[in-house]
PDB file of N, CA and C in Angstrom:
ATOM      1  N   MET A   1       0.981 -11.709 -17.696  1.00  0.00           N
ATOM      2  CA  MET A   1       0.576 -10.337 -17.803  1.00  0.00           C
ATOM      3  C   MET A   1      -0.189 -10.177 -19.116  1.00  0.00           C
ATOM      4  N   LYS A   2      -1.315  -9.483 -19.043  1.00  0.00           N
ATOM      5  CA  LYS A   2      -2.105  -9.193 -20.231  1.00  0.00           C
ATOM      6  C   LYS A   2      -1.918  -7.719 -20.564  1.00  0.00           C
ATOM      7  N   ILE A   3      -1.528  -7.432 -21.805  1.00  0.00           N
ATOM      8  CA  ILE A   3      -1.239  -6.060 -22.203  1.00  0.00           C
ATOM      9  C   ILE A   3      -2.102  -5.683 -23.399  1.00  0.00           C
ATOM     10  N   LYS A   4      -2.695  -4.508 -23.283  1.00  0.00           N
ATOM     11  CA  LYS A   4      -3.448  -3.915 -24.386  1.00  0.00           C
ATOM     12  C   LYS A   4      -2.829  -2.545 -24.637  1.00  0.00           C
ATOM     13  N   CYS A   5      -2.689  -2.163 -25.899  1.00  0.00           N
ATOM     14  CA  CYS A   5      -2.061  -0.883 -26.229  1.00  0.00           C
ATOM     15  C   CYS A   5      -3.088   0.114 -26.743  1.00  0.00           C
ATOM     16  N   TYR A   6      -2.874   1.354 -26.373  1.00  0.00           N
ATOM     17  CA  TYR A   6      -3.699   2.468 -26.811  1.00  0.00           C
ATOM     18  C   TYR A   6      -3.579   2.632 -28.327  1.00  0.00           C
ATOM     19  N   CYS A   7      -4.672   2.996 -28.971  1.00  0.00           N
ATOM     20  CA  CYS A   7      -4.704   3.098 -30.433  1.00  0.00           C
ATOM     21  C   CYS A   7      -3.742   4.144 -30.981  1.00  0.00           C
ATOM     22  N   ASP A   8      -3.505   5.203 -30.249  1.00  0.00           N
ATOM     23  CA  ASP A   8      -2.607   6.278 -30.690  1.00  0.00           C
ATOM     24  C   ASP A   8      -1.475   6.390 -29.671  1.00  0.00           C
ATOM     25  N   LEU A   9      -0.719   5.318 -29.558  1.00  0.00           N
ATOM     26  CA  LEU A   9       0.323   5.169 -28.542  1.00  0.00           C
ATOM     27  C   LEU A   9       1.274   6.355 -28.526  1.00  0.00           C
ATOM     28  N   TYR A  10       1.505   6.905 -27.340  1.00  0.00           N
ATOM     29  CA  TYR A  10       2.494   7.970 -27.156  1.00  0.00           C
ATOM     30  C   TYR A  10       3.868   7.320 -27.047  1.00  0.00           C
ATOM     31  N   VAL A  11       4.814   7.812 -27.833  1.00  0.00           N
ATOM     32  CA  VAL A  11       6.162   7.235 -27.834  1.00  0.00           C
ATOM     33  C   VAL A  11       7.168   8.374 -27.815  1.00  0.00           C
ATOM     34  N   SER A  12       8.141   8.291 -26.918  1.00  0.00           N
ATOM     35  CA  SER A  12       9.165   9.336 -26.860  1.00  0.00           C
ATOM     36  C   SER A  12       9.996   9.305 -28.148  1.00  0.00           C
ATOM     37  N   GLU A  13      10.528  10.467 -28.498  1.00  0.00           N
ATOM     38  CA  GLU A  13      11.258  10.629 -29.768  1.00  0.00           C
ATOM     39  C   GLU A  13      12.368   9.596 -29.953  1.00  0.00           C
ATOM     40  N   SER A  14      13.095   9.292 -28.907  1.00  0.00           N
ATOM     41  CA  SER A  14      14.236   8.377 -29.044  1.00  0.00           C
ATOM     42  C   SER A  14      13.806   6.927 -29.305  1.00  0.00           C
ATOM     43  N   LEU A  15      12.518   6.620 -29.126  1.00  0.00           N
ATOM     44  CA  LEU A  15      12.036   5.255 -29.368  1.00  0.00           C
ATOM     45  C   LEU A  15      11.164   5.129 -30.607  1.00  0.00           C
ATOM     46  N   LYS A  16      10.908   6.221 -31.297  1.00  0.00           N
ATOM     47  CA  LYS A  16       9.988   6.215 -32.449  1.00  0.00           C
ATOM     48  C   LYS A  16      10.310   5.125 -33.461  1.00  0.00           C
ATOM     49  N   ASN A  17      11.557   4.957 -33.814  1.00  0.00           N
ATOM     50  CA  ASN A  17      11.930   3.974 -34.832  1.00  0.00           C
ATOM     51  C   ASN A  17      11.994   2.551 -34.293  1.00  0.00           C
ATOM     52  N   LYS A  18      11.883   2.399 -32.981  1.00  0.00           N
ATOM     53  CA  LYS A  18      12.005   1.077 -32.360  1.00  0.00           C
ATOM     54  C   LYS A  18      10.712   0.628 -31.697  1.00  0.00           C
ATOM     55  N   GLN A  19       9.638   1.389 -31.843  1.00  0.00           N
ATOM     56  CA  GLN A  19       8.441   1.120 -31.046  1.00  0.00           C
ATOM     57  C   GLN A  19       7.862  -0.264 -31.286  1.00  0.00           C
ATOM     58  N   ASN A  20       7.827  -0.753 -32.520  1.00  0.00           N
ATOM     59  CA  ASN A  20       7.271  -2.087 -32.776  1.00  0.00           C
ATOM     60  C   ASN A  20       8.111  -3.180 -32.133  1.00  0.00           C
ATOM     61  N   GLN A  21       9.417  -3.053 -32.217  1.00  0.00           N
ATOM     62  CA  GLN A  21      10.312  -4.027 -31.597  1.00  0.00           C
ATOM     63  C   GLN A  21      10.143  -4.020 -30.075  1.00  0.00           C
ATOM     64  N   ILE A  22      10.044  -2.847 -29.500  1.00  0.00           N
ATOM     65  CA  ILE A  22       9.889  -2.738 -28.048  1.00  0.00           C
ATOM     66  C   ILE A  22       8.544  -3.301 -27.610  1.00  0.00           C
ATOM     67  N   LEU A  23       7.489  -2.992 -28.349  1.00  0.00           N
ATOM     68  CA  LEU A  23       6.173  -3.546 -28.016  1.00  0.00           C
ATOM     69  C   LEU A  23       6.179  -5.067 -28.091  1.00  0.00           C
ATOM     70  N   GLU A  24       6.847  -5.597 -29.084  1.00  0.00           N
ATOM     71  CA  GLU A  24       6.964  -7.050 -29.210  1.00  0.00           C
ATOM     72  C   GLU A  24       7.665  -7.639 -27.984  1.00  0.00           C
ATOM     73  N   GLU A  25       8.735  -7.000 -27.553  1.00  0.00           N
ATOM     74  CA  GLU A  25       9.464  -7.468 -26.376  1.00  0.00           C
ATOM     75  C   GLU A  25       8.598  -7.380 -25.120  1.00  0.00           C
ATOM     76  N   VAL A  26       7.848  -6.313 -25.002  1.00  0.00           N
ATOM     77  CA  VAL A  26       6.966  -6.152 -23.843  1.00  0.00           C
ATOM     78  C   VAL A  26       5.898  -7.239 -23.840  1.00  0.00           C
ATOM     79  N   MET A  27       5.301  -7.496 -25.008  1.00  0.00           N
ATOM     80  CA  MET A  27       4.259  -8.529 -25.110  1.00  0.00           C
ATOM     81  C   MET A  27       4.807  -9.913 -24.764  1.00  0.00           C
ATOM     82  N   GLU A  28       6.074 -10.128 -25.062  1.00  0.00           N
ATOM     83  CA  GLU A  28       6.718 -11.407 -24.747  1.00  0.00           C
ATOM     84  C   GLU A  28       7.302 -11.403 -23.338  1.00  0.00           C
ATOM     85  N   GLN A  29       6.999 -10.376 -22.580  1.00  0.00           N
ATOM     86  CA  GLN A  29       7.438 -10.201 -21.193  1.00  0.00           C
ATOM     87  C   GLN A  29       8.958 -10.217 -21.069  1.00  0.00           C
ATOM     88  N   ARG A  30       9.613  -9.520 -21.951  1.00  0.00           N
ATOM     89  CA  ARG A  30      11.053  -9.325 -21.856  1.00  0.00           C
ATOM     90  C   ARG A  30      11.386  -7.863 -22.180  1.00  0.00           C
ATOM     91  N   PRO A  31      10.795  -6.941 -21.413  1.00  0.00           N
ATOM     92  CA  PRO A  31      11.030  -5.519 -21.683  1.00  0.00           C
ATOM     93  C   PRO A  31      12.455  -5.095 -21.341  1.00  0.00           C
ATOM     94  N   ARG A  32      12.883  -4.029 -21.963  1.00  0.00           N
ATOM     95  CA  ARG A  32      14.204  -3.460 -21.702  1.00  0.00           C
ATOM     96  C   ARG A  32      14.170  -2.689 -20.386  1.00  0.00           C
ATOM     97  N   PRO A  33      15.231  -2.763 -19.613  1.00  0.00           N
ATOM     98  CA  PRO A  33      15.261  -2.057 -18.324  1.00  0.00           C
ATOM     99  C   PRO A  33      15.111  -0.547 -18.436  1.00  0.00           C
ATOM    100  N   SER A  34      15.603   0.054 -19.501  1.00  0.00           N
ATOM    101  CA  SER A  34      15.544   1.513 -19.615  1.00  0.00           C
ATOM    102  C   SER A  34      14.196   2.008 -20.136  1.00  0.00           C
ATOM    103  N   VAL A  35      13.374   1.114 -20.657  1.00  0.00           N
ATOM    104  CA  VAL A  35      12.086   1.509 -21.207  1.00  0.00           C
ATOM    105  C   VAL A  35      11.043   1.599 -20.097  1.00  0.00           C
ATOM    106  N   TYR A  36      10.306   2.690 -20.101  1.00  0.00           N
ATOM    107  CA  TYR A  36       9.211   2.884 -19.162  1.00  0.00           C
ATOM    108  C   TYR A  36       7.895   2.752 -19.894  1.00  0.00           C
ATOM    109  N   LEU A  37       6.970   2.013 -19.305  1.00  0.00           N
ATOM    110  CA  LEU A  37       5.624   1.878 -19.850  1.00  0.00           C
ATOM    111  C   LEU A  37       4.709   2.816 -19.082  1.00  0.00           C
ATOM    112  N   ILE A  38       3.971   3.643 -19.799  1.00  0.00           N
ATOM    113  CA  ILE A  38       2.970   4.516 -19.187  1.00  0.00           C
ATOM    114  C   ILE A  38       1.636   3.826 -19.397  1.00  0.00           C
ATOM    115  N   THR A  39       0.917   3.625 -18.304  1.00  0.00           N
ATOM    116  CA  THR A  39      -0.336   2.879 -18.360  1.00  0.00           C
ATOM    117  C   THR A  39      -1.454   3.642 -17.669  1.00  0.00           C
ATOM    118  N   LEU A  40      -2.697   3.224 -17.963  1.00  0.00           N
ATOM    119  CA  LEU A  40      -3.789   3.698 -17.134  1.00  0.00           C
ATOM    120  C   LEU A  40      -3.582   3.084 -15.756  1.00  0.00           C
ATOM    121  N   ALA A  41      -3.831   3.866 -14.739  1.00  0.00           N
ATOM    122  CA  ALA A  41      -3.605   3.402 -13.373  1.00  0.00           C
ATOM    123  C   ALA A  41      -4.503   2.221 -13.037  1.00  0.00           C
ATOM    124  N   GLN A  42      -3.989   1.307 -12.226  1.00  0.00           N
ATOM    125  CA  GLN A  42      -4.766   0.151 -11.791  1.00  0.00           C
ATOM    126  C   GLN A  42      -5.958   0.562 -10.933  1.00  0.00           C
ATOM    127  N   GLY A  43      -5.739   1.558 -10.064  1.00  0.00           N
ATOM    128  CA  GLY A  43      -6.820   2.047  -9.214  1.00  0.00           C
ATOM    129  C   GLY A  43      -7.564   3.174  -9.896  1.00  0.00           C
ATOM    130  N   LYS A  44      -8.859   3.287  -9.656  1.00  0.00           N
ATOM    131  CA  LYS A  44      -9.684   4.301 -10.317  1.00  0.00           C
ATOM    132  C   LYS A  44      -9.422   5.709  -9.785  1.00  0.00           C
ATOM    133  N   GLN A  45      -8.770   5.847  -8.634  1.00  0.00           N
ATOM    134  CA  GLN A  45      -8.538   7.171  -8.058  1.00  0.00           C
ATOM    135  C   GLN A  45      -7.436   7.937  -8.775  1.00  0.00           C
ATOM    136  N   ASN A  46      -6.609   7.260  -9.565  1.00  0.00           N
ATOM    137  CA  ASN A  46      -5.533   7.895 -10.322  1.00  0.00           C
ATOM    138  C   ASN A  46      -5.785   7.710 -11.808  1.00  0.00           C
ATOM    139  N   HIS A  47      -5.081   8.481 -12.614  1.00  0.00           N
ATOM    140  CA  HIS A  47      -5.259   8.377 -14.057  1.00  0.00           C
ATOM    141  C   HIS A  47      -4.156   7.553 -14.708  1.00  0.00           C
ATOM    142  N   LEU A  48      -2.902   7.914 -14.450  1.00  0.00           N
ATOM    143  CA  LEU A  48      -1.772   7.263 -15.109  1.00  0.00           C
ATOM    144  C   LEU A  48      -0.745   6.768 -14.102  1.00  0.00           C
ATOM    145  N   GLU A  49      -0.011   5.743 -14.522  1.00  0.00           N
ATOM    146  CA  GLU A  49       1.144   5.248 -13.774  1.00  0.00           C
ATOM    147  C   GLU A  49       2.223   4.944 -14.806  1.00  0.00           C
ATOM    148  N   PHE A  50       3.471   4.930 -14.378  1.00  0.00           N
ATOM    149  CA  PHE A  50       4.490   4.426 -15.293  1.00  0.00           C
ATOM    150  C   PHE A  50       5.447   3.525 -14.544  1.00  0.00           C
ATOM    151  N   TYR A  51       5.938   2.523 -15.290  1.00  0.00           N
ATOM    152  CA  TYR A  51       6.763   1.468 -14.715  1.00  0.00           C
ATOM    153  C   TYR A  51       8.030   1.287 -15.532  1.00  0.00           C
ATOM    154  N   SER A  52       9.111   1.043 -14.837  1.00  0.00           N
ATOM    155  CA  SER A  52      10.350   0.637 -15.486  1.00  0.00           C
ATOM    156  C   SER A  52      10.172  -0.778 -16.007  1.00  0.00           C
ATOM    157  N   GLY A  53      10.825  -1.069 -17.105  1.00  0.00           N
ATOM    158  CA  GLY A  53      10.786  -2.424 -17.635  1.00  0.00           C
ATOM    159  C   GLY A  53      11.243  -3.456 -16.625  1.00  0.00           C
ATOM    160  N   LEU A  54      12.197  -3.100 -15.765  1.00  0.00           N
ATOM    161  CA  LEU A  54      12.668  -4.029 -14.730  1.00  0.00           C
ATOM    162  C   LEU A  54      11.565  -4.391 -13.750  1.00  0.00           C
ATOM    163  N   LEU A  55      10.758  -3.433 -13.387  1.00  0.00           N
ATOM    164  CA  LEU A  55       9.692  -3.673 -12.425  1.00  0.00           C
ATOM    165  C   LEU A  55       8.680  -4.678 -12.965  1.00  0.00           C
ATOM    166  N   LEU A  56       8.465  -4.665 -14.266  1.00  0.00           N
ATOM    167  CA  LEU A  56       7.472  -5.552 -14.857  1.00  0.00           C
ATOM    168  C   LEU A  56       7.875  -7.019 -14.807  1.00  0.00           C
ATOM    169  N   TRP A  57       9.127  -7.297 -14.490  1.00  0.00           N
ATOM    170  CA  TRP A  57       9.564  -8.680 -14.336  1.00  0.00           C
ATOM    171  C   TRP A  57       9.150  -9.266 -12.994  1.00  0.00           C
ATOM    172  N   GLN A  58       8.672  -8.456 -12.086  1.00  0.00           N
ATOM    173  CA  GLN A  58       8.265  -8.929 -10.767  1.00  0.00           C
ATOM    174  C   GLN A  58       6.996  -9.780 -10.878  1.00  0.00           C
ATOM    175  N   HIS A  59       6.879 -10.776 -10.019  1.00  0.00           N
ATOM    176  CA  HIS A  59       5.746 -11.705 -10.080  1.00  0.00           C
ATOM    177  C   HIS A  59       4.412 -11.053  -9.761  1.00  0.00           C
ATOM    178  N   VAL A  60       4.428  -9.896  -9.117  1.00  0.00           N
ATOM    179  CA  VAL A  60       3.178  -9.211  -8.811  1.00  0.00           C
ATOM    180  C   VAL A  60       2.443  -8.826 -10.095  1.00  0.00           C
ATOM    181  N   PHE A  61       3.166  -8.743 -11.206  1.00  0.00           N
ATOM    182  CA  PHE A  61       2.568  -8.384 -12.490  1.00  0.00           C
ATOM    183  C   PHE A  61       2.170  -9.601 -13.328  1.00  0.00           C
ATOM    184  N   ASP A  62       2.391 -10.806 -12.824  1.00  0.00           N
ATOM    185  CA  ASP A  62       2.092 -12.008 -13.604  1.00  0.00           C
ATOM    186  C   ASP A  62       0.659 -12.049 -14.124  1.00  0.00           C
ATOM    187  N   HIS A  63      -0.290 -11.608 -13.316  1.00  0.00           N
ATOM    188  CA  HIS A  63      -1.699 -11.673 -13.708  1.00  0.00           C
ATOM    189  C   HIS A  63      -2.306 -10.289 -13.909  1.00  0.00           C
ATOM    190  N   ALA A  64      -1.460  -9.291 -14.010  1.00  0.00           N
ATOM    191  CA  ALA A  64      -1.942  -7.915 -14.170  1.00  0.00           C
ATOM    192  C   ALA A  64      -2.444  -7.689 -15.594  1.00  0.00           C
ATOM    193  N   GLU A  65      -3.417  -6.788 -15.706  1.00  0.00           N
ATOM    194  CA  GLU A  65      -3.899  -6.339 -17.004  1.00  0.00           C
ATOM    195  C   GLU A  65      -3.497  -4.884 -17.138  1.00  0.00           C
ATOM    196  N   LEU A  66      -2.636  -4.596 -18.107  1.00  0.00           N
ATOM    197  CA  LEU A  66      -2.128  -3.242 -18.296  1.00  0.00           C
ATOM    198  C   LEU A  66      -2.628  -2.669 -19.611  1.00  0.00           C
ATOM    199  N   PHE A  67      -3.097  -1.434 -19.569  1.00  0.00           N
ATOM    200  CA  PHE A  67      -3.478  -0.705 -20.768  1.00  0.00           C
ATOM    201  C   PHE A  67      -2.375   0.316 -21.011  1.00  0.00           C
ATOM    202  N   VAL A  68      -1.473  -0.005 -21.918  1.00  0.00           N
ATOM    203  CA  VAL A  68      -0.294   0.812 -22.182  1.00  0.00           C
ATOM    204  C   VAL A  68      -0.681   1.967 -23.100  1.00  0.00           C
ATOM    205  N   VAL A  69      -0.408   3.191 -22.633  1.00  0.00           N
ATOM    206  CA  VAL A  69      -0.706   4.372 -23.440  1.00  0.00           C
ATOM    207  C   VAL A  69       0.564   5.060 -23.925  1.00  0.00           C
ATOM    208  N   GLY A  70       1.728   4.668 -23.400  1.00  0.00           N
ATOM    209  CA  GLY A  70       2.960   5.308 -23.828  1.00  0.00           C
ATOM    210  C   GLY A  70       4.197   4.486 -23.543  1.00  0.00           C
ATOM    211  N   LEU A  71       5.235   4.757 -24.326  1.00  0.00           N
ATOM    212  CA  LEU A  71       6.549   4.149 -24.145  1.00  0.00           C
ATOM    213  C   LEU A  71       7.578   5.262 -24.086  1.00  0.00           C
ATOM    214  N   ALA A  72       8.454   5.191 -23.105  1.00  0.00           N
ATOM    215  CA  ALA A  72       9.468   6.233 -22.944  1.00  0.00           C
ATOM    216  C   ALA A  72      10.819   5.598 -22.675  1.00  0.00           C
ATOM    217  N   ASP A  73      11.851   6.309 -23.079  1.00  0.00           N
ATOM    218  CA  ASP A  73      13.225   5.855 -22.835  1.00  0.00           C
ATOM    219  C   ASP A  73      13.747   6.573 -21.599  1.00  0.00           C
ATOM    220  N   GLY A  74      13.563   5.964 -20.442  1.00  0.00           N
ATOM    221  CA  GLY A  74      14.048   6.527 -19.188  1.00  0.00           C
ATOM    222  C   GLY A  74      12.982   7.297 -18.426  1.00  0.00           C
ATOM    223  N   TYR A  75      13.301   7.556 -17.184  1.00  0.00           N
ATOM    224  CA  TYR A  75      12.378   8.204 -16.253  1.00  0.00           C
ATOM    225  C   TYR A  75      11.964   9.604 -16.717  1.00  0.00           C
ATOM    226  N   TYR A  76      12.928  10.415 -17.107  1.00  0.00           N
ATOM    227  CA  TYR A  76      12.610  11.802 -17.460  1.00  0.00           C
ATOM    228  C   TYR A  76      11.757  11.902 -18.720  1.00  0.00           C
ATOM    229  N   GLU A  77      12.006  11.029 -19.681  1.00  0.00           N
ATOM    230  CA  GLU A  77      11.155  11.022 -20.869  1.00  0.00           C
ATOM    231  C   GLU A  77       9.748  10.535 -20.517  1.00  0.00           C
ATOM    232  N   ALA A  78       9.640   9.634 -19.546  1.00  0.00           N
ATOM    233  CA  ALA A  78       8.326   9.183 -19.097  1.00  0.00           C
ATOM    234  C   ALA A  78       7.542  10.342 -18.472  1.00  0.00           C
ATOM    235  N   VAL A  79       8.221  11.139 -17.657  1.00  0.00           N
ATOM    236  CA  VAL A  79       7.578  12.310 -17.052  1.00  0.00           C
ATOM    237  C   VAL A  79       7.126  13.278 -18.142  1.00  0.00           C
ATOM    238  N   GLU A  80       7.975  13.500 -19.141  1.00  0.00           N
ATOM    239  CA  GLU A  80       7.621  14.402 -20.240  1.00  0.00           C
ATOM    240  C   GLU A  80       6.428  13.880 -21.037  1.00  0.00           C
ATOM    241  N   LEU A  81       6.367  12.568 -21.260  1.00  0.00           N
ATOM    242  CA  LEU A  81       5.231  12.005 -21.990  1.00  0.00           C
ATOM    243  C   LEU A  81       3.940  12.126 -21.193  1.00  0.00           C
ATOM    244  N   VAL A  82       4.012  11.915 -19.888  1.00  0.00           N
ATOM    245  CA  VAL A  82       2.828  12.089 -19.046  1.00  0.00           C
ATOM    246  C   VAL A  82       2.331  13.526 -19.153  1.00  0.00           C
ATOM    247  N   GLU A  83       3.260  14.469 -19.131  1.00  0.00           N
ATOM    248  CA  GLU A  83       2.893  15.879 -19.284  1.00  0.00           C
ATOM    249  C   GLU A  83       2.217  16.107 -20.638  1.00  0.00           C
ATOM    250  N   LYS A  84       2.742  15.505 -21.694  1.00  0.00           N
ATOM    251  CA  LYS A  84       2.150  15.649 -23.030  1.00  0.00           C
ATOM    252  C   LYS A  84       0.742  15.059 -23.065  1.00  0.00           C
ATOM    253  N   ILE A  85       0.558  13.908 -22.468  1.00  0.00           N
ATOM    254  CA  ILE A  85      -0.759  13.264 -22.439  1.00  0.00           C
ATOM    255  C   ILE A  85      -1.767  14.169 -21.726  1.00  0.00           C
ATOM    256  N   ILE A  86      -1.357  14.732 -20.602  1.00  0.00           N
ATOM    257  CA  ILE A  86      -2.242  15.619 -19.849  1.00  0.00           C
ATOM    258  C   ILE A  86      -2.566  16.871 -20.665  1.00  0.00           C
ATOM    259  N   ASN A  87      -1.565  17.466 -21.307  1.00  0.00           N
ATOM    260  CA  ASN A  87      -1.805  18.645 -22.133  1.00  0.00           C
ATOM    261  C   ASN A  87      -2.726  18.341 -23.308  1.00  0.00           C
ATOM    262  N   ASP A  88      -2.540  17.197 -23.948  1.00  0.00           N
ATOM    263  CA  ASP A  88      -3.424  16.796 -25.045  1.00  0.00           C
ATOM    264  C   ASP A  88      -4.857  16.618 -24.559  1.00  0.00           C
ATOM    265  N   THR A  89      -5.006  16.053 -23.374  1.00  0.00           N
ATOM    266  CA  THR A  89      -6.336  15.859 -22.793  1.00  0.00           C
ATOM    267  C   THR A  89      -7.009  17.203 -22.536  1.00  0.00           C
ATOM    268  N   ILE A  90      -6.280  18.130 -21.958  1.00  0.00           N
ATOM    269  CA  ILE A  90      -6.832  19.459 -21.666  1.00  0.00           C
ATOM    270  C   ILE A  90      -7.230  20.151 -22.967  1.00  0.00           C
ATOM    271  N   ARG A  91      -6.370  20.089 -23.990  1.00  0.00           N
ATOM    272  CA  ARG A  91      -6.666  20.728 -25.277  1.00  0.00           C
ATOM    273  C   ARG A  91      -7.922  20.131 -25.916  1.00  0.00           C
ATOM    274  N   ALA A  92      -8.077  18.819 -25.827  1.00  0.00           N
ATOM    275  CA  ALA A  92      -9.191  18.142 -26.491  1.00  0.00           C
ATOM    276  C   ALA A  92     -10.503  18.248 -25.732  1.00  0.00           C
ATOM    277  N   THR A  93     -10.425  18.293 -24.395  1.00  0.00           N
ATOM    278  CA  THR A  93     -11.664  18.214 -23.608  1.00  0.00           C
ATOM    279  C   THR A  93     -11.912  19.406 -22.703  1.00  0.00           C
ATOM    280  N   GLY A  94     -10.878  20.178 -22.408  1.00  0.00           N
ATOM    281  CA  GLY A  94     -11.036  21.298 -21.483  1.00  0.00           C
ATOM    282  C   GLY A  94     -10.930  20.911 -20.022  1.00  0.00           C
ATOM    283  N   ASP A  95     -10.700  19.644 -19.749  1.00  0.00           N
ATOM    284  CA  ASP A  95     -10.500  19.227 -18.358  1.00  0.00           C
ATOM    285  C   ASP A  95      -9.348  18.222 -18.274  1.00  0.00           C
ATOM    286  N   VAL A  96      -9.121  17.674 -17.088  1.00  0.00           N
ATOM    287  CA  VAL A  96      -7.984  16.776 -16.882  1.00  0.00           C
ATOM    288  C   VAL A  96      -8.399  15.326 -16.633  1.00  0.00           C
ATOM    289  N   ASN A  97      -9.544  14.938 -17.155  1.00  0.00           N
ATOM    290  CA  ASN A  97      -9.979  13.553 -17.006  1.00  0.00           C
ATOM    291  C   ASN A  97      -9.262  12.697 -18.050  1.00  0.00           C
ATOM    292  N   VAL A  98      -8.000  12.414 -17.775  1.00  0.00           N
ATOM    293  CA  VAL A  98      -7.147  11.674 -18.705  1.00  0.00           C
ATOM    294  C   VAL A  98      -7.711  10.287 -18.962  1.00  0.00           C
ATOM    295  N   ARG A  99      -8.092   9.606 -17.912  1.00  0.00           N
ATOM    296  CA  ARG A  99      -8.630   8.242 -18.048  1.00  0.00           C
ATOM    297  C   ARG A  99      -9.843   8.242 -18.981  1.00  0.00           C
ATOM    298  N   GLY A 100     -10.759   9.155 -18.756  1.00  0.00           N
ATOM    299  CA  GLY A 100     -11.960   9.229 -19.588  1.00  0.00           C
ATOM    300  C   GLY A 100     -11.637   9.541 -21.036  1.00  0.00           C
ATOM    301  N   TYR A 101     -10.738  10.499 -21.250  1.00  0.00           N
ATOM    302  CA  TYR A 101     -10.353  10.887 -22.608  1.00  0.00           C
ATOM    303  C   TYR A 101      -9.719   9.717 -23.358  1.00  0.00           C
ATOM    304  N   LEU A 102      -8.779   9.033 -22.731  1.00  0.00           N
ATOM    305  CA  LEU A 102      -8.106   7.916 -23.389  1.00  0.00           C
ATOM    306  C   LEU A 102      -9.071   6.762 -23.641  1.00  0.00           C
ATOM    307  N   ASN A 103      -9.935   6.468 -22.679  1.00  0.00           N
ATOM    308  CA  ASN A 103     -10.909   5.395 -22.865  1.00  0.00           C
ATOM    309  C   ASN A 103     -11.890   5.707 -23.993  1.00  0.00           C
ATOM    310  N   ARG A 104     -12.363   6.969 -24.066  1.00  0.00           N
ATOM    311  CA  ARG A 104     -13.283   7.349 -25.147  1.00  0.00           C
ATOM    312  C   ARG A 104     -12.590   7.251 -26.509  1.00  0.00           C
ATOM    313  N   SER A 105     -11.356   7.717 -26.591  1.00  0.00           N
ATOM    314  CA  SER A 105     -10.610   7.625 -27.850  1.00  0.00           C
ATOM    315  C   SER A 105     -10.429   6.175 -28.279  1.00  0.00           C
ATOM    316  N   GLN A 106     -10.090   5.324 -27.325  1.00  0.00           N
ATOM    317  CA  GLN A 106      -9.903   3.905 -27.625  1.00  0.00           C
ATOM    318  C   GLN A 106     -11.219   3.272 -28.062  1.00  0.00           C
ATOM    319  N   MET A 107     -12.316   3.611 -27.399  1.00  0.00           N
ATOM    320  CA  MET A 107     -13.623   3.047 -27.735  1.00  0.00           C
ATOM    321  C   MET A 107     -14.025   3.450 -29.161  1.00  0.00           C
ATOM    322  N   LYS A 108     -13.821   4.735 -29.508  1.00  0.00           N
ATOM    323  CA  LYS A 108     -14.133   5.194 -30.870  1.00  0.00           C
ATOM    324  C   LYS A 108     -13.307   4.432 -31.894  1.00  0.00           C
ATOM    325  N   PHE A 109     -12.031   4.229 -31.598  1.00  0.00           N
ATOM    326  CA  PHE A 109     -11.149   3.496 -32.497  1.00  0.00           C
ATOM    327  C   PHE A 109     -11.649   2.063 -32.684  1.00  0.00           C
ATOM    328  N   GLU A 110     -11.968   1.386 -31.591  1.00  0.00           N
ATOM    329  CA  GLU A 110     -12.420   0.001 -31.675  1.00  0.00           C
ATOM    330  C   GLU A 110     -13.749  -0.120 -32.406  1.00  0.00           C
ATOM    331  N   GLU A 111     -14.646   0.845 -32.183  1.00  0.00           N
ATOM    332  CA  GLU A 111     -15.931   0.836 -32.879  1.00  0.00           C
ATOM    333  C   GLU A 111     -15.736   1.052 -34.384  1.00  0.00           C
ATOM    334  N   SER A 112     -14.831   1.923 -34.760  1.00  0.00           N
ATOM    335  CA  SER A 112     -14.591   2.172 -36.174  1.00  0.00           C
ATOM    336  C   SER A 112     -13.995   0.946 -36.860  1.00  0.00           C
ATOM    337  N   ARG A 113     -13.189   0.209 -36.136  1.00  0.00           N
ATOM    338  CA  ARG A 113     -12.594  -1.011 -36.713  1.00  0.00           C
ATOM    339  C   ARG A 113     -13.607  -2.136 -36.823  1.00  0.00           C
ATOM    340  N   ALA A 114     -14.589  -2.114 -35.919  1.00  0.00           N
ATOM    341  CA  ALA A 114     -15.609  -3.156 -35.928  1.00  0.00           C
ATOM    342  C   ALA A 114     -16.729  -2.815 -36.909  1.00  0.00           C
ATOM    343  N   GLY A 115     -16.704  -1.589 -37.444  1.00  0.00           N
ATOM    344  CA  GLY A 115     -17.731  -1.177 -38.402  1.00  0.00           C
ATOM    345  C   GLY A 115     -19.031  -0.787 -37.754  1.00  0.00           C
ATOM    346  N   ILE A 116     -18.974  -0.427 -36.477  1.00  0.00           N
ATOM    347  CA  ILE A 116     -20.195  -0.044 -35.743  1.00  0.00           C
ATOM    348  C   ILE A 116     -20.552   1.377 -36.073  1.00  0.00           C
TER     349      ILE A 116
END
């Protein structure tokens, strides 16, 4: 599994102090079962998806490329983070093109780091 993280990763309050450790575990493909990863959807028709850490152990994800935009502790916190992401998108752009907003933010971040 190939994982890339959003520059301004959304993290639920209960994971704030553990986010680096959890990201390390996810990168090593040993995520915690209670942790949910919020990602850009694999298909272009949707914006976001979220997965339980247990689901990511399935072989269907062996060659997947995931763009992680959030980490949540449990299903309900994942739903709340998705709501926050959507609200932030609406506030910043006036529409609900979450995928476009997150991709543009990431591109600006990468360009600034590259000195472009």
